[in-house]
């Protein structure tokens, strides 16, 4: 977290898969022998911004 200009504010930024690429996180080679492919794809693009105010000293 970063203090904003010495003020009691904290700013946080979070991001995953920023370019929204599709990728197989887990795949199964043995499924190809049965005539189909199996895969679990990774998470979609996610991002968040958080602003927090700190009360007190």
C-alpha atoms as a PDB file:
ATOM      1  CA  UNK A   1       0.000   0.000   0.000  1.00  0.00           C
ATOM      2  CA  UNK A   2       1.128   3.520  -0.645  1.00  0.00           C
ATOM      3  CA  UNK A   3       0.385   6.623   1.378  1.00  0.00           C
ATOM      4  CA  UNK A   4      -0.956   9.411  -0.794  1.00  0.00           C
ATOM      5  CA  UNK A   5       1.004  12.642  -0.383  1.00  0.00           C
ATOM      6  CA  UNK A   6       1.587  12.038   3.351  1.00  0.00           C
ATOM      7  CA  UNK A   7      -2.166  11.872   3.973  1.00  0.00           C
ATOM      8  CA  UNK A   8      -3.941   9.070   5.877  1.00  0.00           C
ATOM      9  CA  UNK A   9      -5.072   7.395   2.635  1.00  0.00           C
ATOM     10  CA  UNK A  10      -3.806   4.042   1.365  1.00  0.00           C
ATOM     11  CA  UNK A  11      -4.094   3.069  -2.294  1.00  0.00           C
ATOM     12  CA  UNK A  12      -3.833  -0.537  -3.544  1.00  0.00           C
ATOM     13  CA  UNK A  13      -4.006  -1.849  -7.112  1.00  0.00           C
ATOM     14  CA  UNK A  14      -4.399  -5.531  -8.063  1.00  0.00           C
ATOM     15  CA  UNK A  15      -4.498  -7.264 -11.462  1.00  0.00           C
ATOM     16  CA  UNK A  16      -4.214 -10.785 -12.904  1.00  0.00           C
ATOM     17  CA  UNK A  17      -4.208 -11.915 -16.541  1.00  0.00           C
ATOM     18  CA  UNK A  18      -4.031  -8.266 -17.550  1.00  0.00           C
ATOM     19  CA  UNK A  19      -4.061  -9.004 -21.314  1.00  0.00           C
ATOM     20  CA  UNK A  20      -6.998 -11.450 -20.983  1.00  0.00           C
ATOM     21  CA  UNK A  21      -5.126 -14.386 -22.575  1.00  0.00           C
ATOM     22  CA  UNK A  22      -6.839 -17.783 -22.698  1.00  0.00           C
ATOM     23  CA  UNK A  23      -4.555 -20.519 -21.395  1.00  0.00           C
ATOM     24  CA  UNK A  24      -5.008 -24.086 -20.244  1.00  0.00           C
ATOM     25  CA  UNK A  25      -4.109 -24.312 -16.571  1.00  0.00           C
ATOM     26  CA  UNK A  26      -4.641 -28.102 -16.480  1.00  0.00           C
ATOM     27  CA  UNK A  27      -4.957 -30.484 -19.437  1.00  0.00           C
ATOM     28  CA  UNK A  28      -5.405 -34.206 -19.930  1.00  0.00           C
ATOM     29  CA  UNK A  29      -3.402 -36.064 -22.571  1.00  0.00           C
ATOM     30  CA  UNK A  30      -5.066 -39.398 -21.783  1.00  0.00           C
ATOM     31  CA  UNK A  31      -8.480 -38.041 -22.787  1.00  0.00           C
ATOM     32  CA  UNK A  32      -7.270 -37.678 -26.407  1.00  0.00           C
ATOM     33  CA  UNK A  33      -7.128 -41.490 -26.675  1.00  0.00           C
ATOM     34  CA  UNK A  34     -10.865 -41.555 -25.951  1.00  0.00           C
ATOM     35  CA  UNK A  35     -11.630 -39.059 -28.719  1.00  0.00           C
ATOM     36  CA  UNK A  36     -11.888 -35.802 -26.771  1.00  0.00           C
ATOM     37  CA  UNK A  37      -9.606 -33.255 -25.162  1.00  0.00           C
ATOM     38  CA  UNK A  38     -10.078 -32.046 -21.624  1.00  0.00           C
ATOM     39  CA  UNK A  39      -8.705 -28.820 -20.148  1.00  0.00           C
ATOM     40  CA  UNK A  40      -9.421 -26.387 -17.357  1.00  0.00           C
ATOM     41  CA  UNK A  41      -8.711 -22.830 -18.395  1.00  0.00           C
ATOM     42  CA  UNK A  42      -7.120 -20.172 -16.223  1.00  0.00           C
ATOM     43  CA  UNK A  43      -8.958 -17.254 -14.678  1.00  0.00           C
ATOM     44  CA  UNK A  44     -10.258 -14.379 -16.779  1.00  0.00           C
ATOM     45  CA  UNK A  45      -8.929 -10.854 -16.431  1.00  0.00           C
ATOM     46  CA  UNK A  46      -9.382  -9.504 -12.914  1.00  0.00           C
ATOM     47  CA  UNK A  47      -8.491  -6.113 -11.500  1.00  0.00           C
ATOM     48  CA  UNK A  48      -9.304  -4.042  -8.445  1.00  0.00           C
ATOM     49  CA  UNK A  49      -8.477  -0.682  -6.902  1.00  0.00           C
ATOM     50  CA  UNK A  50      -8.850  -0.014  -3.193  1.00  0.00           C
ATOM     51  CA  UNK A  51      -8.734   3.307  -1.377  1.00  0.00           C
ATOM     52  CA  UNK A  52      -8.689   3.293   2.442  1.00  0.00           C
ATOM     53  CA  UNK A  53      -8.768   6.132   4.954  1.00  0.00           C
ATOM     54  CA  UNK A  54      -6.938   5.692   8.270  1.00  0.00           C
ATOM     55  CA  UNK A  55      -8.535   7.302  11.338  1.00  0.00           C
ATOM     56  CA  UNK A  56      -6.392   8.371  14.282  1.00  0.00           C
ATOM     57  CA  UNK A  57      -2.622   8.937  14.557  1.00  0.00           C
END
